[in-house]
Amino acid sequence: MSKINKIACLLLPVLLLQGCATAVVTGAATGASVAYDRRTTGTVIDDQGIEFKASYALYNNKEIYDQSHINVTSYNGVVLLTGETPSESLKQQVTAEVKKITKVRRIHNELAIAAPSALPSRSSDAWITSKIKAKLTTDEQADPFHVKVVTERGVVYLMGLLSRAEADHAVSIVKNSAGVQRVVKIFEYND
């Protein structure tokens, strides 16, 4: 075997392991998240599937996709639709598309009848969500793993499986955050 082939054989596993390290770390983080989640592993997977299928269905409906900005969030089979669409008719079409997906238990269609939001507005919403998640992380009584935070046009939507006391505490944290216009609770209570 030539010297170049020997070097290639020695370097190949190292090069392949670089990708594996990312996969191992990501897999471990996802595994830890799922292990700590109050939903079953199957429900977490179902929620991811619902989000993917809904996004794919809306993408394939060119009338909706070309005119709207829509975010789909699923938590425990409860779907939250946020964003903008130009007409009530399209808003109802979005709901109809999502209703077709198996495992969807309920839909909260919070789409605004408006032109799609601009990048600065979306960036502001992302910043608000980041600040809220940081507050939930540093608060001793709140658990950021149990609260899903979605922000659209300054309105913060909270999802999760919580006790009423946990939900009230999370809402009080969010209400005292800069940039929050309104808080909408989409919690399911476990007490």
N, C-alpha and C. Protein backbone atom coordinates (compact mmCIF):
# COMPACT_ATOMS: atom_id res chain seq x y z
N MET A 1 0.85 -1.17 0.00
CA MET A 1 0.00 0.00 0.00
C MET A 1 0.90 1.23 0.00
N SER A 2 0.57 2.20 -0.85
CA SER A 2 1.40 3.40 -0.94
C SER A 2 1.21 4.28 0.29
N LYS A 3 2.16 5.18 0.45
CA LYS A 3 2.14 6.09 1.59
C LYS A 3 0.88 6.97 1.56
N ILE A 4 0.48 7.42 0.37
CA ILE A 4 -0.70 8.27 0.24
C ILE A 4 -1.96 7.50 0.65
N ASN A 5 -2.06 6.26 0.24
CA ASN A 5 -3.22 5.43 0.61
C ASN A 5 -3.28 5.21 2.12
N LYS A 6 -2.10 5.00 2.75
CA LYS A 6 -2.06 4.81 4.21
C LYS A 6 -2.52 6.06 4.93
N ILE A 7 -2.06 7.23 4.46
CA ILE A 7 -2.46 8.50 5.07
C ILE A 7 -3.96 8.71 4.90
N ALA A 8 -4.45 8.40 3.70
CA ALA A 8 -5.89 8.54 3.43
C ALA A 8 -6.70 7.63 4.34
N CYS A 9 -6.23 6.41 4.54
CA CYS A 9 -6.93 5.47 5.42
C CYS A 9 -6.93 5.95 6.87
N LEU A 10 -5.86 6.60 7.28
CA LEU A 10 -5.79 7.13 8.65
C LEU A 10 -6.66 8.38 8.83
N LEU A 11 -6.73 9.22 7.81
CA LEU A 11 -7.49 10.47 7.90
C LEU A 11 -8.99 10.28 7.70
N LEU A 12 -9.38 9.28 6.95
CA LEU A 12 -10.79 9.07 6.64
C LEU A 12 -11.65 8.95 7.91
N PRO A 13 -11.29 8.11 8.88
CA PRO A 13 -12.11 8.02 10.09
C PRO A 13 -12.21 9.37 10.84
N VAL A 14 -11.13 10.12 10.86
CA VAL A 14 -11.14 11.42 11.54
C VAL A 14 -12.12 12.36 10.86
N LEU A 15 -12.07 12.39 9.53
CA LEU A 15 -12.98 13.25 8.78
C LEU A 15 -14.44 12.83 8.98
N LEU A 16 -14.67 11.54 9.00
CA LEU A 16 -16.04 11.05 9.19
C LEU A 16 -16.54 11.31 10.60
N LEU A 17 -15.66 11.25 11.57
CA LEU A 17 -16.06 11.47 12.96
C LEU A 17 -16.45 12.91 13.23
N GLN A 18 -15.95 13.85 12.44
CA GLN A 18 -16.33 15.25 12.66
C GLN A 18 -17.83 15.42 12.51
N GLY A 19 -18.44 14.81 11.53
CA GLY A 19 -19.88 14.87 11.35
C GLY A 19 -20.59 14.12 12.45
N CYS A 20 -20.00 13.02 12.91
CA CYS A 20 -20.63 12.22 13.96
C CYS A 20 -20.69 12.99 15.27
N ALA A 21 -19.68 13.79 15.54
CA ALA A 21 -19.68 14.55 16.79
C ALA A 21 -20.89 15.46 16.86
N THR A 22 -21.18 16.12 15.75
CA THR A 22 -22.35 16.99 15.71
C THR A 22 -23.62 16.18 15.89
N ALA A 23 -23.69 15.05 15.23
CA ALA A 23 -24.87 14.20 15.35
C ALA A 23 -25.05 13.69 16.78
N VAL A 24 -23.94 13.30 17.41
CA VAL A 24 -24.01 12.80 18.78
C VAL A 24 -24.47 13.90 19.73
N VAL A 25 -23.90 15.09 19.61
CA VAL A 25 -24.26 16.20 20.49
C VAL A 25 -25.72 16.58 20.27
N THR A 26 -26.13 16.72 19.00
CA THR A 26 -27.51 17.08 18.70
C THR A 26 -28.47 16.01 19.20
N GLY A 27 -28.13 14.76 18.95
CA GLY A 27 -28.97 13.66 19.41
C GLY A 27 -29.08 13.62 20.92
N ALA A 28 -27.98 13.88 21.61
CA ALA A 28 -27.99 13.89 23.07
C ALA A 28 -28.86 15.03 23.60
N ALA A 29 -28.74 16.21 22.97
CA ALA A 29 -29.54 17.36 23.40
C ALA A 29 -31.03 17.10 23.17
N THR A 30 -31.37 16.53 22.02
CA THR A 30 -32.76 16.20 21.73
C THR A 30 -33.26 15.14 22.70
N GLY A 31 -32.43 14.14 22.96
CA GLY A 31 -32.81 13.08 23.89
C GLY A 31 -33.05 13.62 25.28
N ALA A 32 -32.18 14.52 25.74
CA ALA A 32 -32.36 15.12 27.06
C ALA A 32 -33.63 15.95 27.10
N SER A 33 -33.89 16.69 26.03
CA SER A 33 -35.09 17.51 25.95
C SER A 33 -36.34 16.64 26.01
N VAL A 34 -36.35 15.56 25.23
CA VAL A 34 -37.50 14.66 25.22
C VAL A 34 -37.67 13.98 26.56
N ALA A 35 -36.57 13.60 27.18
CA ALA A 35 -36.64 12.93 28.48
C ALA A 35 -37.22 13.85 29.54
N TYR A 36 -37.02 15.15 29.39
CA TYR A 36 -37.48 16.12 30.39
C TYR A 36 -38.86 16.68 30.06
N ASP A 37 -39.34 16.45 28.86
CA ASP A 37 -40.62 16.98 28.40
C ASP A 37 -41.77 16.25 29.10
N ARG A 38 -42.86 16.94 29.35
CA ARG A 38 -44.02 16.32 29.98
C ARG A 38 -44.86 15.54 28.96
N ARG A 39 -44.63 15.77 27.70
CA ARG A 39 -45.30 14.99 26.66
C ARG A 39 -44.55 13.67 26.51
N THR A 40 -45.26 12.67 26.01
CA THR A 40 -44.57 11.40 25.73
C THR A 40 -43.66 11.60 24.53
N THR A 41 -42.69 10.71 24.38
CA THR A 41 -41.79 10.78 23.22
C THR A 41 -42.60 10.70 21.93
N GLY A 42 -43.60 9.84 21.90
CA GLY A 42 -44.44 9.71 20.72
C GLY A 42 -45.19 11.00 20.41
N THR A 43 -45.64 11.70 21.43
CA THR A 43 -46.35 12.97 21.22
C THR A 43 -45.41 14.04 20.70
N VAL A 44 -44.18 14.08 21.21
CA VAL A 44 -43.18 15.04 20.72
C VAL A 44 -42.94 14.79 19.23
N ILE A 45 -42.79 13.54 18.86
CA ILE A 45 -42.57 13.18 17.45
C ILE A 45 -43.80 13.53 16.63
N ASP A 46 -45.00 13.25 17.16
CA ASP A 46 -46.24 13.60 16.46
C ASP A 46 -46.32 15.10 16.22
N ASP A 47 -45.95 15.90 17.23
CA ASP A 47 -46.00 17.36 17.09
C ASP A 47 -45.05 17.84 15.99
N GLN A 48 -43.86 17.26 15.95
CA GLN A 48 -42.91 17.62 14.89
C GLN A 48 -43.47 17.23 13.52
N GLY A 49 -44.11 16.08 13.46
CA GLY A 49 -44.73 15.63 12.22
C GLY A 49 -45.87 16.54 11.78
N ILE A 50 -46.68 16.97 12.73
CA ILE A 50 -47.79 17.89 12.42
C ILE A 50 -47.24 19.19 11.85
N GLU A 51 -46.22 19.74 12.49
CA GLU A 51 -45.63 20.99 12.00
C GLU A 51 -45.08 20.83 10.59
N PHE A 52 -44.39 19.73 10.34
CA PHE A 52 -43.83 19.48 9.02
C PHE A 52 -44.94 19.31 7.98
N LYS A 53 -45.92 18.46 8.28
CA LYS A 53 -47.00 18.20 7.32
C LYS A 53 -47.81 19.46 7.03
N ALA A 54 -48.08 20.25 8.06
CA ALA A 54 -48.84 21.49 7.85
C ALA A 54 -48.05 22.47 7.00
N SER A 55 -46.78 22.64 7.31
CA SER A 55 -45.94 23.55 6.53
C SER A 55 -45.86 23.09 5.07
N TYR A 56 -45.73 21.79 4.88
CA TYR A 56 -45.65 21.24 3.53
C TYR A 56 -46.96 21.45 2.77
N ALA A 57 -48.09 21.22 3.43
CA ALA A 57 -49.40 21.41 2.79
C ALA A 57 -49.61 22.87 2.42
N LEU A 58 -49.21 23.79 3.29
CA LEU A 58 -49.38 25.22 3.00
C LEU A 58 -48.42 25.66 1.90
N TYR A 59 -47.25 25.08 1.87
CA TYR A 59 -46.28 25.39 0.81
C TYR A 59 -46.84 24.94 -0.55
N ASN A 60 -47.48 23.79 -0.58
CA ASN A 60 -48.02 23.25 -1.83
C ASN A 60 -49.28 23.95 -2.30
N ASN A 61 -49.92 24.71 -1.43
CA ASN A 61 -51.08 25.50 -1.83
C ASN A 61 -50.55 26.87 -2.23
N LYS A 62 -50.30 27.05 -3.53
CA LYS A 62 -49.63 28.26 -4.03
C LYS A 62 -50.42 29.53 -3.71
N GLU A 63 -51.75 29.45 -3.70
CA GLU A 63 -52.55 30.63 -3.37
C GLU A 63 -52.24 31.13 -1.96
N ILE A 64 -52.16 30.20 -1.02
CA ILE A 64 -51.83 30.56 0.36
C ILE A 64 -50.36 30.98 0.46
N TYR A 65 -49.48 30.14 -0.07
CA TYR A 65 -48.05 30.36 0.09
C TYR A 65 -47.57 31.69 -0.51
N ASP A 66 -48.08 32.02 -1.69
CA ASP A 66 -47.62 33.22 -2.38
C ASP A 66 -48.08 34.52 -1.72
N GLN A 67 -49.14 34.47 -0.92
CA GLN A 67 -49.71 35.69 -0.36
C GLN A 67 -49.58 35.82 1.15
N SER A 68 -49.07 34.80 1.80
CA SER A 68 -49.13 34.76 3.27
C SER A 68 -47.77 34.51 3.90
N HIS A 69 -47.71 34.81 5.18
CA HIS A 69 -46.57 34.44 6.04
C HIS A 69 -47.20 33.68 7.20
N ILE A 70 -46.93 32.39 7.28
CA ILE A 70 -47.61 31.55 8.27
C ILE A 70 -46.60 30.71 9.04
N ASN A 71 -46.75 30.71 10.36
CA ASN A 71 -45.95 29.85 11.24
C ASN A 71 -46.89 28.82 11.85
N VAL A 72 -46.45 27.57 11.89
CA VAL A 72 -47.24 26.49 12.46
C VAL A 72 -46.48 25.95 13.67
N THR A 73 -47.15 25.94 14.82
CA THR A 73 -46.57 25.40 16.04
C THR A 73 -47.54 24.37 16.60
N SER A 74 -47.03 23.19 16.93
CA SER A 74 -47.88 22.15 17.51
C SER A 74 -47.31 21.75 18.87
N TYR A 75 -48.19 21.68 19.85
CA TYR A 75 -47.79 21.23 21.18
C TYR A 75 -48.89 20.34 21.72
N ASN A 76 -48.60 19.06 21.89
CA ASN A 76 -49.55 18.08 22.40
C ASN A 76 -50.79 17.97 21.50
N GLY A 77 -50.57 18.11 20.19
CA GLY A 77 -51.66 17.99 19.23
C GLY A 77 -52.49 19.25 19.07
N VAL A 78 -52.15 20.29 19.81
CA VAL A 78 -52.83 21.59 19.69
C VAL A 78 -51.99 22.44 18.75
N VAL A 79 -52.60 22.91 17.67
CA VAL A 79 -51.88 23.66 16.65
C VAL A 79 -52.17 25.15 16.77
N LEU A 80 -51.11 25.93 16.76
CA LEU A 80 -51.20 27.39 16.76
C LEU A 80 -50.74 27.88 15.41
N LEU A 81 -51.60 28.65 14.74
CA LEU A 81 -51.26 29.27 13.46
C LEU A 81 -51.10 30.76 13.68
N THR A 82 -49.91 31.27 13.38
CA THR A 82 -49.65 32.70 13.53
C THR A 82 -49.08 33.23 12.22
N GLY A 83 -49.16 34.54 12.07
CA GLY A 83 -48.64 35.18 10.87
C GLY A 83 -49.71 36.05 10.25
N GLU A 84 -49.60 36.21 8.93
CA GLU A 84 -50.51 37.09 8.22
C GLU A 84 -50.97 36.46 6.91
N THR A 85 -52.20 36.74 6.57
CA THR A 85 -52.77 36.34 5.28
C THR A 85 -53.73 37.45 4.86
N PRO A 86 -53.87 37.72 3.55
CA PRO A 86 -54.60 38.91 3.13
C PRO A 86 -56.13 38.86 3.20
N SER A 87 -56.72 37.67 3.41
CA SER A 87 -58.18 37.62 3.41
C SER A 87 -58.71 36.58 4.39
N GLU A 88 -59.95 36.77 4.79
CA GLU A 88 -60.62 35.80 5.67
C GLU A 88 -60.75 34.46 4.96
N SER A 89 -60.97 34.49 3.66
CA SER A 89 -61.09 33.28 2.87
C SER A 89 -59.81 32.43 2.95
N LEU A 90 -58.66 33.08 2.78
CA LEU A 90 -57.39 32.35 2.87
C LEU A 90 -57.15 31.86 4.30
N LYS A 91 -57.54 32.64 5.28
CA LYS A 91 -57.40 32.23 6.68
C LYS A 91 -58.16 30.94 6.92
N GLN A 92 -59.37 30.86 6.38
CA GLN A 92 -60.18 29.64 6.54
C GLN A 92 -59.60 28.47 5.76
N GLN A 93 -59.01 28.75 4.60
CA GLN A 93 -58.35 27.70 3.81
C GLN A 93 -57.19 27.10 4.60
N VAL A 94 -56.45 27.94 5.31
CA VAL A 94 -55.33 27.46 6.13
C VAL A 94 -55.85 26.49 7.18
N THR A 95 -56.92 26.88 7.87
CA THR A 95 -57.50 26.01 8.89
C THR A 95 -57.94 24.69 8.26
N ALA A 96 -58.58 24.75 7.11
CA ALA A 96 -59.05 23.53 6.43
C ALA A 96 -57.88 22.61 6.07
N GLU A 97 -56.77 23.19 5.61
CA GLU A 97 -55.59 22.38 5.27
C GLU A 97 -55.04 21.68 6.51
N VAL A 98 -54.96 22.39 7.61
CA VAL A 98 -54.38 21.82 8.83
C VAL A 98 -55.31 20.78 9.46
N LYS A 99 -56.62 20.97 9.33
CA LYS A 99 -57.58 20.00 9.87
C LYS A 99 -57.43 18.62 9.25
N LYS A 100 -56.91 18.56 8.04
CA LYS A 100 -56.75 17.28 7.34
C LYS A 100 -55.66 16.41 7.96
N ILE A 101 -54.80 16.99 8.76
CA ILE A 101 -53.64 16.27 9.30
C ILE A 101 -54.05 15.43 10.50
N THR A 102 -53.65 14.16 10.48
CA THR A 102 -53.98 13.28 11.60
C THR A 102 -53.24 13.74 12.86
N LYS A 103 -53.82 13.44 13.98
CA LYS A 103 -53.29 13.73 15.32
C LYS A 103 -53.47 15.20 15.73
N VAL A 104 -54.08 16.03 14.90
CA VAL A 104 -54.39 17.41 15.30
C VAL A 104 -55.66 17.36 16.14
N ARG A 105 -55.56 17.79 17.39
CA ARG A 105 -56.71 17.76 18.29
C ARG A 105 -57.50 19.06 18.27
N ARG A 106 -56.77 20.18 18.12
CA ARG A 106 -57.43 21.50 18.16
C ARG A 106 -56.56 22.48 17.39
N ILE A 107 -57.21 23.49 16.80
CA ILE A 107 -56.48 24.51 16.04
C ILE A 107 -56.83 25.89 16.60
N HIS A 108 -55.80 26.68 16.87
CA HIS A 108 -55.96 28.09 17.26
C HIS A 108 -55.44 28.90 16.07
N ASN A 109 -56.36 29.42 15.26
CA ASN A 109 -55.96 30.19 14.10
C ASN A 109 -55.88 31.66 14.49
N GLU A 110 -54.67 32.13 14.74
CA GLU A 110 -54.42 33.51 15.16
C GLU A 110 -53.84 34.33 14.01
N LEU A 111 -54.09 33.90 12.77
CA LEU A 111 -53.59 34.64 11.61
C LEU A 111 -54.27 36.01 11.55
N ALA A 112 -53.48 37.04 11.31
CA ALA A 112 -54.02 38.38 11.12
C ALA A 112 -54.36 38.56 9.64
N ILE A 113 -55.43 39.29 9.38
CA ILE A 113 -55.77 39.63 8.00
C ILE A 113 -54.94 40.87 7.66
N ALA A 114 -53.81 40.62 7.01
CA ALA A 114 -52.86 41.70 6.71
C ALA A 114 -51.84 41.19 5.70
N ALA A 115 -51.07 42.12 5.17
CA ALA A 115 -49.96 41.75 4.29
C ALA A 115 -48.89 41.05 5.13
N PRO A 116 -48.10 40.18 4.52
CA PRO A 116 -47.04 39.50 5.27
C PRO A 116 -46.11 40.52 5.95
N SER A 117 -45.72 40.19 7.18
CA SER A 117 -44.87 41.09 7.96
C SER A 117 -43.49 41.21 7.33
N ALA A 118 -42.84 42.32 7.63
CA ALA A 118 -41.50 42.59 7.11
C ALA A 118 -40.45 42.00 8.05
N LEU A 119 -39.24 41.88 7.55
CA LEU A 119 -38.14 41.31 8.32
C LEU A 119 -37.89 42.03 9.65
N PRO A 120 -37.93 43.37 9.72
CA PRO A 120 -37.71 44.03 11.01
C PRO A 120 -38.73 43.61 12.08
N SER A 121 -39.98 43.43 11.67
CA SER A 121 -41.01 43.00 12.61
C SER A 121 -40.73 41.58 13.09
N ARG A 122 -40.35 40.70 12.19
CA ARG A 122 -40.04 39.32 12.57
C ARG A 122 -38.81 39.26 13.46
N SER A 123 -37.84 40.11 13.19
CA SER A 123 -36.63 40.16 14.03
C SER A 123 -36.98 40.64 15.43
N SER A 124 -37.85 41.62 15.52
CA SER A 124 -38.29 42.11 16.82
C SER A 124 -38.99 41.00 17.61
N ASP A 125 -39.85 40.24 16.92
CA ASP A 125 -40.54 39.13 17.57
C ASP A 125 -39.55 38.08 18.06
N ALA A 126 -38.55 37.77 17.25
CA ALA A 126 -37.53 36.80 17.65
C ALA A 126 -36.77 37.29 18.88
N TRP A 127 -36.49 38.58 18.92
CA TRP A 127 -35.79 39.17 20.06
C TRP A 127 -36.65 39.06 21.33
N ILE A 128 -37.94 39.36 21.21
CA ILE A 128 -38.85 39.25 22.36
C ILE A 128 -38.88 37.81 22.86
N THR A 129 -39.00 36.85 21.95
CA THR A 129 -39.02 35.43 22.34
C THR A 129 -37.73 35.05 23.06
N SER A 130 -36.60 35.49 22.55
CA SER A 130 -35.31 35.18 23.18
C SER A 130 -35.22 35.75 24.59
N LYS A 131 -35.68 37.00 24.76
CA LYS A 131 -35.65 37.61 26.09
C LYS A 131 -36.53 36.85 27.06
N ILE A 132 -37.71 36.44 26.61
CA ILE A 132 -38.64 35.71 27.48
C ILE A 132 -38.05 34.36 27.86
N LYS A 133 -37.47 33.65 26.91
CA LYS A 133 -36.86 32.35 27.22
C LYS A 133 -35.71 32.51 28.21
N ALA A 134 -34.94 33.57 28.07
CA ALA A 134 -33.85 33.83 29.01
C ALA A 134 -34.41 34.10 30.41
N LYS A 135 -35.48 34.87 30.49
CA LYS A 135 -36.11 35.13 31.79
C LYS A 135 -36.64 33.86 32.43
N LEU A 136 -37.26 33.00 31.61
CA LEU A 136 -37.79 31.74 32.14
C LEU A 136 -36.66 30.83 32.61
N THR A 137 -35.52 30.90 31.94
CA THR A 137 -34.38 30.07 32.30
C THR A 137 -33.76 30.52 33.62
N THR A 138 -33.71 31.82 33.84
CA THR A 138 -33.05 32.33 35.05
C THR A 138 -33.99 32.41 36.25
N ASP A 139 -35.28 32.26 36.04
CA ASP A 139 -36.24 32.31 37.15
C ASP A 139 -36.23 30.97 37.88
N GLU A 140 -36.16 31.01 39.20
CA GLU A 140 -36.06 29.78 39.99
C GLU A 140 -37.35 28.98 40.00
N GLN A 141 -38.50 29.63 39.80
CA GLN A 141 -39.78 28.93 39.86
C GLN A 141 -40.28 28.49 38.49
N ALA A 142 -39.77 29.07 37.43
CA ALA A 142 -40.23 28.73 36.09
C ALA A 142 -39.37 27.64 35.48
N ASP A 143 -39.95 26.89 34.57
CA ASP A 143 -39.20 25.86 33.88
C ASP A 143 -39.32 26.08 32.38
N PRO A 144 -38.25 26.54 31.74
CA PRO A 144 -38.32 26.87 30.32
C PRO A 144 -38.59 25.66 29.42
N PHE A 145 -38.35 24.44 29.92
CA PHE A 145 -38.60 23.25 29.12
C PHE A 145 -40.09 22.93 29.00
N HIS A 146 -40.89 23.50 29.88
CA HIS A 146 -42.31 23.18 29.89
C HIS A 146 -43.17 24.26 29.25
N VAL A 147 -42.56 25.35 28.81
CA VAL A 147 -43.32 26.46 28.22
C VAL A 147 -42.80 26.72 26.80
N LYS A 148 -43.68 26.63 25.83
CA LYS A 148 -43.35 26.95 24.44
C LYS A 148 -43.76 28.41 24.22
N VAL A 149 -42.83 29.22 23.70
CA VAL A 149 -43.06 30.65 23.50
C VAL A 149 -43.04 30.95 22.01
N VAL A 150 -44.10 31.59 21.52
CA VAL A 150 -44.20 32.02 20.13
C VAL A 150 -44.60 33.49 20.14
N THR A 151 -43.89 34.32 19.40
CA THR A 151 -44.20 35.76 19.35
C THR A 151 -44.49 36.16 17.91
N GLU A 152 -45.58 36.89 17.72
CA GLU A 152 -45.96 37.39 16.40
C GLU A 152 -46.59 38.76 16.58
N ARG A 153 -46.00 39.77 15.93
CA ARG A 153 -46.47 41.16 16.01
C ARG A 153 -46.54 41.66 17.46
N GLY A 154 -45.62 41.22 18.28
CA GLY A 154 -45.57 41.65 19.67
C GLY A 154 -46.51 40.90 20.60
N VAL A 155 -47.32 40.01 20.05
CA VAL A 155 -48.23 39.19 20.85
C VAL A 155 -47.50 37.89 21.17
N VAL A 156 -47.46 37.56 22.46
CA VAL A 156 -46.76 36.36 22.91
C VAL A 156 -47.78 35.26 23.21
N TYR A 157 -47.60 34.13 22.55
CA TYR A 157 -48.46 32.96 22.74
C TYR A 157 -47.67 31.96 23.58
N LEU A 158 -48.31 31.45 24.63
CA LEU A 158 -47.66 30.50 25.52
C LEU A 158 -48.40 29.17 25.46
N MET A 159 -47.64 28.10 25.24
CA MET A 159 -48.20 26.76 25.17
C MET A 159 -47.46 25.87 26.16
N GLY A 160 -48.10 24.80 26.58
CA GLY A 160 -47.44 23.85 27.45
C GLY A 160 -48.41 23.07 28.30
N LEU A 161 -47.89 22.06 28.98
CA LEU A 161 -48.64 21.28 29.95
C LEU A 161 -48.17 21.71 31.33
N LEU A 162 -48.98 22.52 32.01
CA LEU A 162 -48.56 23.11 33.27
C LEU A 162 -49.66 23.04 34.31
N SER A 163 -49.26 23.20 35.57
CA SER A 163 -50.27 23.42 36.61
C SER A 163 -50.73 24.86 36.47
N ARG A 164 -51.85 25.19 37.06
CA ARG A 164 -52.35 26.58 36.98
C ARG A 164 -51.38 27.55 37.63
N ALA A 165 -50.75 27.14 38.73
CA ALA A 165 -49.78 28.02 39.39
C ALA A 165 -48.56 28.26 38.50
N GLU A 166 -48.06 27.21 37.84
CA GLU A 166 -46.93 27.36 36.92
C GLU A 166 -47.30 28.29 35.76
N ALA A 167 -48.51 28.11 35.24
CA ALA A 167 -48.96 28.94 34.12
C ALA A 167 -49.07 30.40 34.54
N ASP A 168 -49.65 30.65 35.70
CA ASP A 168 -49.79 32.03 36.18
C ASP A 168 -48.42 32.68 36.38
N HIS A 169 -47.48 31.92 36.89
CA HIS A 169 -46.14 32.46 37.11
C HIS A 169 -45.46 32.78 35.77
N ALA A 170 -45.59 31.89 34.80
CA ALA A 170 -45.00 32.12 33.48
C ALA A 170 -45.61 33.37 32.85
N VAL A 171 -46.92 33.52 32.97
CA VAL A 171 -47.60 34.70 32.40
C VAL A 171 -47.10 35.97 33.06
N SER A 172 -46.90 35.94 34.39
CA SER A 172 -46.42 37.15 35.08
C SER A 172 -45.02 37.54 34.60
N ILE A 173 -44.19 36.55 34.30
CA ILE A 173 -42.85 36.83 33.78
C ILE A 173 -42.96 37.49 32.40
N VAL A 174 -43.82 36.93 31.56
CA VAL A 174 -43.96 37.42 30.19
C VAL A 174 -44.55 38.83 30.17
N LYS A 175 -45.56 39.07 30.98
CA LYS A 175 -46.22 40.39 31.00
C LYS A 175 -45.24 41.51 31.34
N ASN A 176 -44.22 41.19 32.12
CA ASN A 176 -43.24 42.20 32.54
C ASN A 176 -42.04 42.27 31.60
N SER A 177 -42.20 41.79 30.38
CA SER A 177 -41.11 41.81 29.40
C SER A 177 -41.33 42.95 28.41
N ALA A 178 -40.26 43.65 28.09
CA ALA A 178 -40.34 44.78 27.16
C ALA A 178 -40.77 44.29 25.77
N GLY A 179 -41.62 45.08 25.12
CA GLY A 179 -42.05 44.80 23.76
C GLY A 179 -43.29 43.93 23.66
N VAL A 180 -43.74 43.36 24.77
CA VAL A 180 -44.90 42.47 24.75
C VAL A 180 -46.18 43.32 24.70
N GLN A 181 -46.96 43.13 23.64
CA GLN A 181 -48.21 43.86 23.48
C GLN A 181 -49.36 43.17 24.23
N ARG A 182 -49.34 41.83 24.18
CA ARG A 182 -50.42 41.05 24.76
C ARG A 182 -49.92 39.64 24.98
N VAL A 183 -50.51 38.92 25.93
CA VAL A 183 -50.16 37.52 26.19
C VAL A 183 -51.40 36.67 25.96
N VAL A 184 -51.24 35.60 25.16
CA VAL A 184 -52.33 34.67 24.89
C VAL A 184 -51.92 33.31 25.45
N LYS A 185 -52.74 32.79 26.36
CA LYS A 185 -52.46 31.49 26.98
C LYS A 185 -53.14 30.38 26.19
N ILE A 186 -52.35 29.40 25.77
CA ILE A 186 -52.89 28.21 25.11
C ILE A 186 -52.39 27.00 25.89
N PHE A 187 -52.44 27.10 27.19
CA PHE A 187 -51.96 26.03 28.06
C PHE A 187 -52.99 24.93 28.17
N GLU A 188 -52.47 23.74 28.48
CA GLU A 188 -53.31 22.64 28.95
C GLU A 188 -52.87 22.42 30.38
N TYR A 189 -53.84 22.33 31.28
CA TYR A 189 -53.52 22.24 32.70
C TYR A 189 -53.51 20.79 33.15
N ASN A 190 -52.52 20.46 33.98
CA ASN A 190 -52.36 19.09 34.45
C ASN A 190 -52.73 18.94 35.93
N ASP A 191 -53.45 19.92 36.47
CA ASP A 191 -53.92 19.78 37.86
C ASP A 191 -55.41 19.99 37.94
